[in-house]
Amino acid sequence: YLQMNSLKPEDTAVYYCAARTGRVAGKEELYDYWGQGTQVTV
């Protein structure tokens, strides 16, 4: 889950979840699987 509070217009984007098997987080090239995305508009 991603609970998003105090949303700002700059949060507007397509949000994707992704899965990794490695030990390092934060770099998109380190994630192995991706969802299709869901639109968030503020």
Full PDB file with SEQRES, HELIX, SHEET, SSBOND, CRYST1, ORIGX, SCALE, CONECT and MASTER records, all heavy atoms in Angstrom:
SEQRES   1 A   42  TYR LEU GLN MET ASN SER LEU LYS PRO GLU ASP THR ALA          
SEQRES   2 A   42  VAL TYR TYR CYS ALA ALA ARG THR GLY ARG VAL ALA GLY          
SEQRES   3 A   42  LYS GLU GLU LEU TYR ASP TYR TRP GLY GLN GLY THR GLN          
SEQRES   4 A   42  VAL THR VAL                                                  
HELIX    1 AA1 PRO A    9  ASP A   11  5                                   3    
HELIX    2 AA2 GLU A   28  LEU A   30  5                                   3    
SHEET    1 AA1 2 ALA A  13  TYR A  15  0                                        
SHEET    2 AA1 2 THR A  38  VAL A  40 -1                                        
SHEET    1 AA2 2 ALA A  18  ALA A  19  0                                        
SHEET    2 AA2 2 TYR A  33  TRP A  34 -1                                        
CRYST1    1.000    1.000    1.000  90.00  90.00  90.00 P 1           1          
ORIGX1      1.000000  0.000000  0.000000        0.00000                         
ORIGX2      0.000000  1.000000  0.000000        0.00000                         
ORIGX3      0.000000  0.000000  1.000000        0.00000                         
SCALE1      1.000000  0.000000  0.000000        0.00000                         
SCALE2      0.000000  1.000000  0.000000        0.00000                         
SCALE3      0.000000  0.000000  1.000000        0.00000                         
ATOM      1  N   TYR A   1       0.825  -1.195   0.000  1.00  0.00           N  
ATOM      2  CA  TYR A   1       0.000   0.000   0.000  1.00  0.00           C  
ATOM      3  C   TYR A   1       0.864   1.253   0.000  1.00  0.00           C  
ATOM      4  O   TYR A   1       2.000   1.253   0.464  1.00  0.00           O  
ATOM      5  CB  TYR A   1      -0.901   0.045   1.234  1.00  0.00           C  
ATOM      6  CG  TYR A   1      -1.764  -1.169   1.412  1.00  0.00           C  
ATOM      7  CD1 TYR A   1      -1.356  -2.211   2.242  1.00  0.00           C  
ATOM      8  CD2 TYR A   1      -2.981  -1.282   0.758  1.00  0.00           C  
ATOM      9  CE1 TYR A   1      -2.152  -3.337   2.410  1.00  0.00           C  
ATOM     10  CE2 TYR A   1      -3.779  -2.400   0.925  1.00  0.00           C  
ATOM     11  CZ  TYR A   1      -3.363  -3.420   1.749  1.00  0.00           C  
ATOM     12  OH  TYR A   1      -4.148  -4.529   1.912  1.00  0.00           O  
ATOM     13  N   LEU A   2       0.295   2.324  -0.505  1.00  0.00           N  
ATOM     14  CA  LEU A   2       0.889   3.643  -0.380  1.00  0.00           C  
ATOM     15  C   LEU A   2      -0.200   4.602   0.067  1.00  0.00           C  
ATOM     16  O   LEU A   2      -1.077   4.956  -0.725  1.00  0.00           O  
ATOM     17  CB  LEU A   2       1.516   4.110  -1.697  1.00  0.00           C  
ATOM     18  CG  LEU A   2       2.284   5.428  -1.613  1.00  0.00           C  
ATOM     19  CD1 LEU A   2       3.559   5.257  -0.782  1.00  0.00           C  
ATOM     20  CD2 LEU A   2       2.630   5.945  -3.011  1.00  0.00           C  
ATOM     21  N   GLN A   3      -0.154   4.994   1.330  1.00  0.00           N  
ATOM     22  CA  GLN A   3      -1.070   5.989   1.858  1.00  0.00           C  
ATOM     23  C   GLN A   3      -0.494   7.361   1.582  1.00  0.00           C  
ATOM     24  O   GLN A   3       0.611   7.673   2.027  1.00  0.00           O  
ATOM     25  CB  GLN A   3      -1.275   5.791   3.361  1.00  0.00           C  
ATOM     26  CG  GLN A   3      -2.186   6.820   4.010  1.00  0.00           C  
ATOM     27  CD  GLN A   3      -3.615   6.718   3.530  1.00  0.00           C  
ATOM     28  OE1 GLN A   3      -4.167   5.624   3.473  1.00  0.00           O  
ATOM     29  NE2 GLN A   3      -4.220   7.844   3.166  1.00  0.00           N  
ATOM     30  N   MET A   4      -1.226   8.192   0.862  1.00  0.00           N  
ATOM     31  CA  MET A   4      -0.759   9.501   0.449  1.00  0.00           C  
ATOM     32  C   MET A   4      -1.641  10.561   1.095  1.00  0.00           C  
ATOM     33  O   MET A   4      -2.837  10.642   0.800  1.00  0.00           O  
ATOM     34  CB  MET A   4      -0.782   9.637  -1.074  1.00  0.00           C  
ATOM     35  CG  MET A   4      -0.009   8.542  -1.795  1.00  0.00           C  
ATOM     36  SD  MET A   4       0.099   8.819  -3.581  1.00  0.00           S  
ATOM     37  CE  MET A   4      -1.638   8.692  -4.014  1.00  0.00           C  
ATOM     38  N   ASN A   5      -1.056  11.357   1.966  1.00  0.00           N  
ATOM     39  CA  ASN A   5      -1.758  12.435   2.646  1.00  0.00           C  
ATOM     40  C   ASN A   5      -1.173  13.778   2.243  1.00  0.00           C  
ATOM     41  O   ASN A   5      -0.073  13.857   1.705  1.00  0.00           O  
ATOM     42  CB  ASN A   5      -1.658  12.264   4.162  1.00  0.00           C  
ATOM     43  CG  ASN A   5      -2.285  10.995   4.668  1.00  0.00           C  
ATOM     44  OD1 ASN A   5      -3.276  10.511   4.121  1.00  0.00           O  
ATOM     45  ND2 ASN A   5      -1.713  10.440   5.738  1.00  0.00           N  
ATOM     46  N   SER A   6      -1.913  14.838   2.522  1.00  0.00           N  
ATOM     47  CA  SER A   6      -1.471  16.197   2.214  1.00  0.00           C  
ATOM     48  C   SER A   6      -0.985  16.312   0.781  1.00  0.00           C  
ATOM     49  O   SER A   6       0.081  16.859   0.501  1.00  0.00           O  
ATOM     50  CB  SER A   6      -0.374  16.627   3.195  1.00  0.00           C  
ATOM     51  OG  SER A   6      -0.830  16.571   4.529  1.00  0.00           O  
ATOM     52  N   LEU A   7      -1.773  15.811  -0.139  1.00  0.00           N  
ATOM     53  CA  LEU A   7      -1.357  15.758  -1.537  1.00  0.00           C  
ATOM     54  C   LEU A   7      -1.211  17.152  -2.128  1.00  0.00           C  
ATOM     55  O   LEU A   7      -1.959  18.067  -1.796  1.00  0.00           O  
ATOM     56  CB  LEU A   7      -2.345  14.933  -2.344  1.00  0.00           C  
ATOM     57  CG  LEU A   7      -2.195  13.422  -2.169  1.00  0.00           C  
ATOM     58  CD1 LEU A   7      -3.449  12.699  -2.622  1.00  0.00           C  
ATOM     59  CD2 LEU A   7      -0.977  12.931  -2.948  1.00  0.00           C  
ATOM     60  N   LYS A   8      -0.238  17.273  -3.014  1.00  0.00           N  
ATOM     61  CA  LYS A   8       0.077  18.516  -3.697  1.00  0.00           C  
ATOM     62  C   LYS A   8      -0.085  18.321  -5.204  1.00  0.00           C  
ATOM     63  O   LYS A   8       0.045  17.204  -5.694  1.00  0.00           O  
ATOM     64  CB  LYS A   8       1.514  18.941  -3.403  1.00  0.00           C  
ATOM     65  CG  LYS A   8       1.856  19.060  -1.928  1.00  0.00           C  
ATOM     66  CD  LYS A   8       3.339  19.337  -1.746  1.00  0.00           C  
ATOM     67  CE  LYS A   8       3.705  19.433  -0.283  1.00  0.00           C  
ATOM     68  NZ  LYS A   8       5.157  19.691  -0.103  1.00  0.00           N  
ATOM     69  N   PRO A   9      -0.339  19.392  -5.954  1.00  0.00           N  
ATOM     70  CA  PRO A   9      -0.434  19.245  -7.412  1.00  0.00           C  
ATOM     71  C   PRO A   9       0.795  18.588  -8.031  1.00  0.00           C  
ATOM     72  O   PRO A   9       0.660  17.851  -9.014  1.00  0.00           O  
ATOM     73  CB  PRO A   9      -0.602  20.689  -7.896  1.00  0.00           C  
ATOM     74  CG  PRO A   9      -1.291  21.375  -6.770  1.00  0.00           C  
ATOM     75  CD  PRO A   9      -0.706  20.757  -5.526  1.00  0.00           C  
ATOM     76  N   GLU A  10       1.971  18.820  -7.477  1.00  0.00           N  
ATOM     77  CA  GLU A  10       3.177  18.213  -8.012  1.00  0.00           C  
ATOM     78  C   GLU A  10       3.264  16.713  -7.776  1.00  0.00           C  
ATOM     79  O   GLU A  10       4.169  16.054  -8.294  1.00  0.00           O  
ATOM     80  CB  GLU A  10       4.440  18.902  -7.459  1.00  0.00           C  
ATOM     81  CG  GLU A  10       4.453  19.037  -5.954  1.00  0.00           C  
ATOM     82  CD  GLU A  10       4.010  20.407  -5.474  1.00  0.00           C  
ATOM     83  OE1 GLU A  10       2.978  20.907  -5.975  1.00  0.00           O  
ATOM     84  OE2 GLU A  10       4.686  20.991  -4.604  1.00  0.00           O  
ATOM     85  N   ASP A  11       2.334  16.146  -7.003  1.00  0.00           N  
ATOM     86  CA  ASP A  11       2.243  14.702  -6.853  1.00  0.00           C  
ATOM     87  C   ASP A  11       1.517  14.042  -8.018  1.00  0.00           C  
ATOM     88  O   ASP A  11       1.476  12.810  -8.096  1.00  0.00           O  
ATOM     89  CB  ASP A  11       1.526  14.337  -5.554  1.00  0.00           C  
ATOM     90  CG  ASP A  11       2.293  14.771  -4.317  1.00  0.00           C  
ATOM     91  OD1 ASP A  11       3.530  14.604  -4.288  1.00  0.00           O  
ATOM     92  OD2 ASP A  11       1.651  15.267  -3.368  1.00  0.00           O  
ATOM     93  N   THR A  12       0.933  14.829  -8.911  1.00  0.00           N  
ATOM     94  CA  THR A  12       0.214  14.291 -10.050  1.00  0.00           C  
ATOM     95  C   THR A  12       1.153  13.475 -10.932  1.00  0.00           C  
ATOM     96  O   THR A  12       2.187  13.964 -11.382  1.00  0.00           O  
ATOM     97  CB  THR A  12      -0.424  15.419 -10.863  1.00  0.00           C  
ATOM     98  OG1 THR A  12      -1.412  16.079 -10.073  1.00  0.00           O  
ATOM     99  CG2 THR A  12      -1.076  14.877 -12.126  1.00  0.00           C  
ATOM    100  N   ALA A  13       0.795  12.223 -11.176  1.00  0.00           N  
ATOM    101  CA  ALA A  13       1.640  11.317 -11.949  1.00  0.00           C  
ATOM    102  C   ALA A  13       0.931   9.977 -12.080  1.00  0.00           C  
ATOM    103  O   ALA A  13      -0.077   9.723 -11.418  1.00  0.00           O  
ATOM    104  CB  ALA A  13       2.999  11.120 -11.270  1.00  0.00           C  
ATOM    105  N   VAL A  14       1.480   9.132 -12.934  1.00  0.00           N  
ATOM    106  CA  VAL A  14       1.125   7.726 -12.932  1.00  0.00           C  
ATOM    107  C   VAL A  14       2.012   7.039 -11.898  1.00  0.00           C  
ATOM    108  O   VAL A  14       3.236   7.176 -11.939  1.00  0.00           O  
ATOM    109  CB  VAL A  14       1.302   7.071 -14.313  1.00  0.00           C  
ATOM    110  CG1 VAL A  14       1.011   5.579 -14.241  1.00  0.00           C  
ATOM    111  CG2 VAL A  14       0.394   7.744 -15.337  1.00  0.00           C  
ATOM    112  N   TYR A  15       1.399   6.317 -10.987  1.00  0.00           N  
ATOM    113  CA  TYR A  15       2.127   5.639  -9.922  1.00  0.00           C  
ATOM    114  C   TYR A  15       2.244   4.154 -10.238  1.00  0.00           C  
ATOM    115  O   TYR A  15       1.254   3.499 -10.571  1.00  0.00           O  
ATOM    116  CB  TYR A  15       1.424   5.840  -8.580  1.00  0.00           C  
ATOM    117  CG  TYR A  15       1.667   7.208  -7.995  1.00  0.00           C  
ATOM    118  CD1 TYR A  15       1.099   8.335  -8.570  1.00  0.00           C  
ATOM    119  CD2 TYR A  15       2.493   7.379  -6.880  1.00  0.00           C  
ATOM    120  CE1 TYR A  15       1.341   9.598  -8.056  1.00  0.00           C  
ATOM    121  CE2 TYR A  15       2.730   8.636  -6.358  1.00  0.00           C  
ATOM    122  CZ  TYR A  15       2.155   9.740  -6.949  1.00  0.00           C  
ATOM    123  OH  TYR A  15       2.396  10.993  -6.428  1.00  0.00           O  
ATOM    124  N   TYR A  16       3.458   3.632 -10.116  1.00  0.00           N  
ATOM    125  CA  TYR A  16       3.763   2.247 -10.409  1.00  0.00           C  
ATOM    126  C   TYR A  16       4.289   1.548  -9.163  1.00  0.00           C  
ATOM    127  O   TYR A  16       5.091   2.112  -8.420  1.00  0.00           O  
ATOM    128  CB  TYR A  16       4.845   2.134 -11.488  1.00  0.00           C  
ATOM    129  CG  TYR A  16       4.491   2.740 -12.819  1.00  0.00           C  
ATOM    130  CD1 TYR A  16       4.758   4.075 -13.094  1.00  0.00           C  
ATOM    131  CD2 TYR A  16       3.903   1.961 -13.812  1.00  0.00           C  
ATOM    132  CE1 TYR A  16       4.445   4.630 -14.322  1.00  0.00           C  
ATOM    133  CE2 TYR A  16       3.593   2.508 -15.037  1.00  0.00           C  
ATOM    134  CZ  TYR A  16       3.869   3.843 -15.291  1.00  0.00           C  
ATOM    135  OH  TYR A  16       3.563   4.385 -16.511  1.00  0.00           O  
ATOM    136  N   CYS A  17       3.867   0.325  -8.942  1.00  0.00           N  
ATOM    137  CA  CYS A  17       4.534  -0.496  -7.949  1.00  0.00           C  
ATOM    138  C   CYS A  17       5.509  -1.425  -8.657  1.00  0.00           C  
ATOM    139  O   CYS A  17       5.353  -1.749  -9.841  1.00  0.00           O  
ATOM    140  CB  CYS A  17       3.546  -1.283  -7.081  1.00  0.00           C  
ATOM    141  SG  CYS A  17       2.596  -2.550  -7.926  1.00  0.00           S  
ATOM    142  N   ALA A  18       6.537  -1.833  -7.934  1.00  0.00           N  
ATOM    143  CA  ALA A  18       7.585  -2.653  -8.504  1.00  0.00           C  
ATOM    144  C   ALA A  18       8.157  -3.571  -7.442  1.00  0.00           C  
ATOM    145  O   ALA A  18       8.137  -3.246  -6.253  1.00  0.00           O  
ATOM    146  CB  ALA A  18       8.693  -1.767  -9.090  1.00  0.00           C  
ATOM    147  N   ALA A  19       8.665  -4.708  -7.881  1.00  0.00           N  
ATOM    148  CA  ALA A  19       9.214  -5.716  -6.983  1.00  0.00           C  
ATOM    149  C   ALA A  19      10.688  -5.933  -7.281  1.00  0.00           C  
ATOM    150  O   ALA A  19      11.101  -5.954  -8.441  1.00  0.00           O  
ATOM    151  CB  ALA A  19       8.447  -7.030  -7.122  1.00  0.00           C  
ATOM    152  N   ARG A  20      11.481  -6.107  -6.233  1.00  0.00           N  
ATOM    153  CA  ARG A  20      12.907  -6.373  -6.364  1.00  0.00           C  
ATOM    154  C   ARG A  20      13.292  -7.595  -5.561  1.00  0.00           C  
ATOM    155  O   ARG A  20      12.678  -7.906  -4.537  1.00  0.00           O  
ATOM    156  CB  ARG A  20      13.732  -5.166  -5.908  1.00  0.00           C  
ATOM    157  CG  ARG A  20      13.483  -4.769  -4.458  1.00  0.00           C  
ATOM    158  CD  ARG A  20      14.426  -3.667  -3.991  1.00  0.00           C  
ATOM    159  NE  ARG A  20      14.042  -3.179  -2.670  1.00  0.00           N  
ATOM    160  CZ  ARG A  20      14.417  -3.733  -1.526  1.00  0.00           C  
ATOM    161  NH1 ARG A  20      15.207  -4.818  -1.530  1.00  0.00           N  
ATOM    162  NH2 ARG A  20      14.015  -3.222  -0.368  1.00  0.00           N  
ATOM    163  N   THR A  21      14.316  -8.272  -6.017  1.00  0.00           N  
ATOM    164  CA  THR A  21      14.898  -9.389  -5.274  1.00  0.00           C  
ATOM    165  C   THR A  21      16.224  -9.011  -4.646  1.00  0.00           C  
ATOM    166  O   THR A  21      16.705  -9.722  -3.764  1.00  0.00           O  
ATOM    167  CB  THR A  21      15.101 -10.611  -6.179  1.00  0.00           C  
ATOM    168  OG1 THR A  21      15.944 -10.271  -7.282  1.00  0.00           O  
ATOM    169  CG2 THR A  21      13.763 -11.104  -6.705  1.00  0.00           C  
ATOM    170  N   GLY A  22      16.825  -7.906  -5.082  1.00  0.00           N  
ATOM    171  CA  GLY A  22      18.098  -7.471  -4.554  1.00  0.00           C  
ATOM    172  C   GLY A  22      17.965  -6.780  -3.211  1.00  0.00           C  
ATOM    173  O   GLY A  22      16.869  -6.557  -2.698  1.00  0.00           O  
ATOM    174  N   ARG A  23      19.121  -6.414  -2.660  1.00  0.00           N  
ATOM    175  CA  ARG A  23      19.170  -5.802  -1.338  1.00  0.00           C  
ATOM    176  C   ARG A  23      19.145  -4.290  -1.377  1.00  0.00           C  
ATOM    177  O   ARG A  23      19.022  -3.662  -0.326  1.00  0.00           O  
ATOM    178  CB  ARG A  23      20.439  -6.259  -0.608  1.00  0.00           C  
ATOM    179  CG  ARG A  23      20.542  -7.762  -0.409  1.00  0.00           C  
ATOM    180  CD  ARG A  23      19.684  -8.211   0.743  1.00  0.00           C  
ATOM    181  NE  ARG A  23      19.949  -9.593   1.095  1.00  0.00           N  
ATOM    182  CZ  ARG A  23      19.145 -10.605   0.807  1.00  0.00           C  
ATOM    183  NH1 ARG A  23      18.017 -10.397   0.155  1.00  0.00           N  
ATOM    184  NH2 ARG A  23      19.468 -11.840   1.179  1.00  0.00           N  
ATOM    185  N   VAL A  24      19.249  -3.698  -2.561  1.00  0.00           N  
ATOM    186  CA  VAL A  24      19.335  -2.259  -2.701  1.00  0.00           C  
ATOM    187  C   VAL A  24      18.018  -1.716  -3.230  1.00  0.00           C  
ATOM    188  O   VAL A  24      17.430  -2.261  -4.166  1.00  0.00           O  
ATOM    189  CB  VAL A  24      20.500  -1.862  -3.631  1.00  0.00           C  
ATOM    190  CG1 VAL A  24      20.561  -0.347  -3.791  1.00  0.00           C  
ATOM    191  CG2 VAL A  24      21.814  -2.396  -3.094  1.00  0.00           C  
ATOM    192  N   ALA A  25      17.562  -0.622  -2.634  1.00  0.00           N  
ATOM    193  CA  ALA A  25      16.303   0.002  -3.013  1.00  0.00           C  
ATOM    194  C   ALA A  25      16.540   1.373  -3.619  1.00  0.00           C  
ATOM    195  O   ALA A  25      17.573   2.000  -3.385  1.00  0.00           O  
ATOM    196  CB  ALA A  25      15.396   0.135  -1.790  1.00  0.00           C  
ATOM    197  N   GLY A  26      15.574   1.846  -4.415  1.00  0.00           N  
ATOM    198  CA  GLY A  26      15.555   3.223  -4.848  1.00  0.00           C  
ATOM    199  C   GLY A  26      15.907   3.497  -6.298  1.00  0.00           C  
ATOM    200  O   GLY A  26      15.534   4.543  -6.824  1.00  0.00           O  
ATOM    201  N   LYS A  27      16.622   2.599  -6.952  1.00  0.00           N  
ATOM    202  CA  LYS A  27      17.004   2.769  -8.351  1.00  0.00           C  
ATOM    203  C   LYS A  27      16.119   1.873  -9.207  1.00  0.00           C  
ATOM    204  O   LYS A  27      16.052   0.666  -8.985  1.00  0.00           O  
ATOM    205  CB  LYS A  27      18.467   2.421  -8.568  1.00  0.00           C  
ATOM    206  CG  LYS A  27      19.435   3.227  -7.709  1.00  0.00           C  
ATOM    207  CD  LYS A  27      19.737   4.560  -8.335  1.00  0.00           C  
ATOM    208  CE  LYS A  27      20.692   5.386  -7.476  1.00  0.00           C  
ATOM    209  NZ  LYS A  27      21.947   4.685  -7.153  1.00  0.00           N  
ATOM    210  N   GLU A  28      15.458   2.458 -10.208  1.00  0.00           N  
ATOM    211  CA  GLU A  28      14.470   1.694 -10.955  1.00  0.00           C  
ATOM    212  C   GLU A  28      15.061   0.497 -11.678  1.00  0.00           C  
ATOM    213  O   GLU A  28      14.373  -0.512 -11.860  1.00  0.00           O  
ATOM    214  CB  GLU A  28      13.701   2.580 -11.933  1.00  0.00           C  
ATOM    215  CG  GLU A  28      14.488   3.145 -13.079  1.00  0.00           C  
ATOM    216  CD  GLU A  28      13.585   3.933 -14.016  1.00  0.00           C  
ATOM    217  OE1 GLU A  28      12.902   3.300 -14.843  1.00  0.00           O  
ATOM    218  OE2 GLU A  28      13.553   5.171 -13.889  1.00  0.00           O  
ATOM    219  N   GLU A  29      16.331   0.569 -12.063  1.00  0.00           N  
ATOM    220  CA  GLU A  29      16.950  -0.547 -12.761  1.00  0.00           C  
ATOM    221  C   GLU A  29      17.160  -1.761 -11.869  1.00  0.00           C  
ATOM    222  O   GLU A  29      17.464  -2.849 -12.363  1.00  0.00           O  
ATOM    223  CB  GLU A  29      18.291  -0.125 -13.390  1.00  0.00           C  
ATOM    224  CG  GLU A  29      19.347   0.301 -12.385  1.00  0.00           C  
ATOM    225  CD  GLU A  29      19.368   1.792 -12.139  1.00  0.00           C  
ATOM    226  OE1 GLU A  29      18.320   2.448 -12.334  1.00  0.00           O  
ATOM    227  OE2 GLU A  29      20.428   2.311 -11.758  1.00  0.00           O  
ATOM    228  N   LEU A  30      16.973  -1.616 -10.569  1.00  0.00           N  
ATOM    229  CA  LEU A  30      17.148  -2.710  -9.623  1.00  0.00           C  
ATOM    230  C   LEU A  30      15.858  -3.480  -9.360  1.00  0.00           C  
ATOM    231  O   LEU A  30      15.881  -4.464  -8.624  1.00  0.00           O  
ATOM    232  CB  LEU A  30      17.698  -2.182  -8.303  1.00  0.00           C  
ATOM    233  CG  LEU A  30      19.044  -1.448  -8.397  1.00  0.00           C  
ATOM    234  CD1 LEU A  30      19.438  -0.896  -7.040  1.00  0.00           C  
ATOM    235  CD2 LEU A  30      20.129  -2.371  -8.935  1.00  0.00           C  
ATOM    236  N   TYR A  31      14.765  -3.065  -9.958  1.00  0.00           N  
ATOM    237  CA  TYR A  31      13.481  -3.720  -9.756  1.00  0.00           C  
ATOM    238  C   TYR A  31      13.170  -4.641 -10.923  1.00  0.00           C  
ATOM    239  O   TYR A  31      13.368  -4.285 -12.085  1.00  0.00           O  
ATOM    240  CB  TYR A  31      12.376  -2.676  -9.548  1.00  0.00           C  
ATOM    241  CG  TYR A  31      12.551  -1.929  -8.248  1.00  0.00           C  
ATOM    242  CD1 TYR A  31      13.501  -0.923  -8.125  1.00  0.00           C  
ATOM    243  CD2 TYR A  31      11.789  -2.251  -7.130  1.00  0.00           C  
ATOM    244  CE1 TYR A  31      13.688  -0.261  -6.927  1.00  0.00           C  
ATOM    245  CE2 TYR A  31      11.963  -1.587  -5.931  1.00  0.00           C  
ATOM    246  CZ  TYR A  31      12.914  -0.597  -5.830  1.00  0.00           C  
ATOM    247  OH  TYR A  31      13.097   0.063  -4.632  1.00  0.00           O  
ATOM    248  N   ASP A  32      12.665  -5.812 -10.606  1.00  0.00           N  
ATOM    249  CA  ASP A  32      12.524  -6.884 -11.581  1.00  0.00           C  
ATOM    250  C   ASP A  32      11.142  -6.950 -12.228  1.00  0.00           C  
ATOM    251  O   ASP A  32      11.014  -7.408 -13.365  1.00  0.00           O  
ATOM    252  CB  ASP A  32      12.828  -8.226 -10.912  1.00  0.00           C  
ATOM    253  CG  ASP A  32      14.207  -8.252 -10.275  1.00  0.00           C  
ATOM    254  OD1 ASP A  32      15.202  -8.185 -11.020  1.00  0.00           O  
ATOM    255  OD2 ASP A  32      14.284  -8.336  -9.033  1.00  0.00           O  
ATOM    256  N   TYR A  33      10.105  -6.536 -11.514  1.00  0.00           N  
ATOM    257  CA  TYR A  33       8.735  -6.612 -12.005  1.00  0.00           C  
ATOM    258  C   TYR A  33       8.027  -5.296 -11.763  1.00  0.00           C  
ATOM    259  O   TYR A  33       8.245  -4.638 -10.742  1.00  0.00           O  
ATOM    260  CB  TYR A  33       7.973  -7.749 -11.314  1.00  0.00           C  
ATOM    261  CG  TYR A  33       8.602  -9.101 -11.510  1.00  0.00           C  
ATOM    262  CD1 TYR A  33       9.422  -9.658 -10.538  1.00  0.00           C  
ATOM    263  CD2 TYR A  33       8.380  -9.829 -12.676  1.00  0.00           C  
ATOM    264  CE1 TYR A  33      10.008 -10.895 -10.715  1.00  0.00           C  
ATOM    265  CE2 TYR A  33       8.964 -11.067 -12.859  1.00  0.00           C  
ATOM    266  CZ  TYR A  33       9.778 -11.594 -11.876  1.00  0.00           C  
ATOM    267  OH  TYR A  33      10.356 -12.828 -12.067  1.00  0.00           O  
ATOM    268  N   TRP A  34       7.136  -4.947 -12.690  1.00  0.00           N  
ATOM    269  CA  TRP A  34       6.425  -3.669 -12.643  1.00  0.00           C  
ATOM    270  C   TRP A  34       4.948  -3.854 -12.921  1.00  0.00           C  
ATOM    271  O   TRP A  34       4.559  -4.690 -13.735  1.00  0.00           O  
ATOM    272  CB  TRP A  34       6.999  -2.698 -13.674  1.00  0.00           C  
ATOM    273  CG  TRP A  34       8.396  -2.279 -13.373  1.00  0.00           C  
ATOM    274  CD1 TRP A  34       9.537  -2.975 -13.658  1.00  0.00           C  
ATOM    275  CD2 TRP A  34       8.801  -1.073 -12.727  1.00  0.00           C  
ATOM    276  NE1 TRP A  34      10.638  -2.267 -13.223  1.00  0.00           N  
ATOM    277  CE2 TRP A  34      10.216  -1.104 -12.652  1.00  0.00           C  
ATOM    278  CE3 TRP A  34       8.121   0.026 -12.212  1.00  0.00           C  
ATOM    279  CZ2 TRP A  34      10.947  -0.067 -12.077  1.00  0.00           C  
ATOM    280  CZ3 TRP A  34       8.841   1.049 -11.644  1.00  0.00           C  
ATOM    281  CH2 TRP A  34      10.240   1.001 -11.583  1.00  0.00           C  
ATOM    282  N   GLY A  35       4.123  -3.057 -12.246  1.00  0.00           N  
ATOM    283  CA  GLY A  35       2.707  -3.017 -12.545  1.00  0.00           C  
ATOM    284  C   GLY A  35       2.411  -2.096 -13.711  1.00  0.00           C  
ATOM    285  O   GLY A  35       3.308  -1.469 -14.294  1.00  0.00           O  
ATOM    286  N   GLN A  36       1.130  -1.995 -14.057  1.00  0.00           N  
ATOM    287  CA  GLN A  36       0.715  -1.202 -15.218  1.00  0.00           C  
ATOM    288  C   GLN A  36       0.550   0.276 -14.902  1.00  0.00           C  
ATOM    289  O   GLN A  36       0.468   1.092 -15.818  1.00  0.00           O  
ATOM    290  CB  GLN A  36      -0.595  -1.761 -15.785  1.00  0.00           C  
ATOM    291  CG  GLN A  36      -1.873  -1.257 -15.115  1.00  0.00           C  
ATOM    292  CD  GLN A  36      -2.085  -1.786 -13.702  1.00  0.00           C  
ATOM    293  OE1 GLN A  36      -1.437  -2.730 -13.264  1.00  0.00           O  
ATOM    294  NE2 GLN A  36      -3.018  -1.170 -12.978  1.00  0.00           N  
ATOM    295  N   GLY A  37       0.487   0.624 -13.639  1.00  0.00           N  
ATOM    296  CA  GLY A  37       0.360   2.000 -13.222  1.00  0.00           C  
ATOM    297  C   GLY A  37      -1.071   2.415 -12.948  1.00  0.00           C  
ATOM    298  O   GLY A  37      -2.017   1.873 -13.514  1.00  0.00           O  
ATOM    299  N   THR A  38      -1.232   3.393 -12.063  1.00  0.00           N  
ATOM    300  CA  THR A  38      -2.534   3.982 -11.770  1.00  0.00           C  
ATOM    301  C   THR A  38      -2.377   5.497 -11.695  1.00  0.00           C  
ATOM    302  O   THR A  38      -1.421   6.007 -11.113  1.00  0.00           O  
ATOM    303  CB  THR A  38      -3.131   3.405 -10.466  1.00  0.00           C  
ATOM    304  OG1 THR A  38      -4.458   3.900 -10.278  1.00  0.00           O  
ATOM    305  CG2 THR A  38      -2.285   3.754  -9.249  1.00  0.00           C  
ATOM    306  N   GLN A  39      -3.312   6.218 -12.298  1.00  0.00           N  
ATOM    307  CA  GLN A  39      -3.210   7.671 -12.411  1.00  0.00           C  
ATOM    308  C   GLN A  39      -3.655   8.347 -11.125  1.00  0.00           C  
ATOM    309  O   GLN A  39      -4.729   8.051 -10.586  1.00  0.00           O  
ATOM    310  CB  GLN A  39      -4.066   8.173 -13.576  1.00  0.00           C  
ATOM    311  CG  GLN A  39      -4.088   9.694 -13.726  1.00  0.00           C  
ATOM    312  CD  GLN A  39      -2.771  10.245 -14.219  1.00  0.00           C  
ATOM    313  OE1 GLN A  39      -2.199   9.733 -15.185  1.00  0.00           O  
ATOM    314  NE2 GLN A  39      -2.278  11.289 -13.545  1.00  0.00           N  
ATOM    315  N   VAL A  40      -2.840   9.273 -10.647  1.00  0.00           N  
ATOM    316  CA  VAL A  40      -3.185  10.136  -9.527  1.00  0.00           C  
ATOM    317  C   VAL A  40      -3.136  11.574 -10.021  1.00  0.00           C  
ATOM    318  O   VAL A  40      -2.111  12.024 -10.535  1.00  0.00           O  
ATOM    319  CB  VAL A  40      -2.223   9.954  -8.343  1.00  0.00           C  
ATOM    320  CG1 VAL A  40      -2.484  11.009  -7.266  1.00  0.00           C  
ATOM    321  CG2 VAL A  40      -2.355   8.557  -7.769  1.00  0.00           C  
ATOM    322  N   THR A  41      -4.241  12.288  -9.872  1.00  0.00           N  
ATOM    323  CA  THR A  41      -4.318  13.683 -10.289  1.00  0.00           C  
ATOM    324  C   THR A  41      -4.740  14.532  -9.100  1.00  0.00           C  
ATOM    325  O   THR A  41      -5.782  14.274  -8.489  1.00  0.00           O  
ATOM    326  CB  THR A  41      -5.314  13.872 -11.441  1.00  0.00           C  
ATOM    327  OG1 THR A  41      -4.937  13.045 -12.544  1.00  0.00           O  
ATOM    328  CG2 THR A  41      -5.341  15.325 -11.889  1.00  0.00           C  
ATOM    329  N   VAL A  42      -3.939  15.532  -8.774  1.00  0.00           N  
ATOM    330  CA  VAL A  42      -4.197  16.414  -7.642  1.00  0.00           C  
ATOM    331  C   VAL A  42      -4.478  17.804  -8.194  1.00  0.00           C  
ATOM    332  O   VAL A  42      -3.619  18.415  -8.836  1.00  0.00           O  
ATOM    333  CB  VAL A  42      -3.020  16.456  -6.666  1.00  0.00           C  
ATOM    334  CG1 VAL A  42      -3.370  17.307  -5.450  1.00  0.00           C  
ATOM    335  CG2 VAL A  42      -2.639  15.040  -6.236  1.00  0.00           C  
TER     336      VAL A  42                                                      
MASTER        0    0    0    2    4    0    0    6  335    1    0    4          
END                                                                             
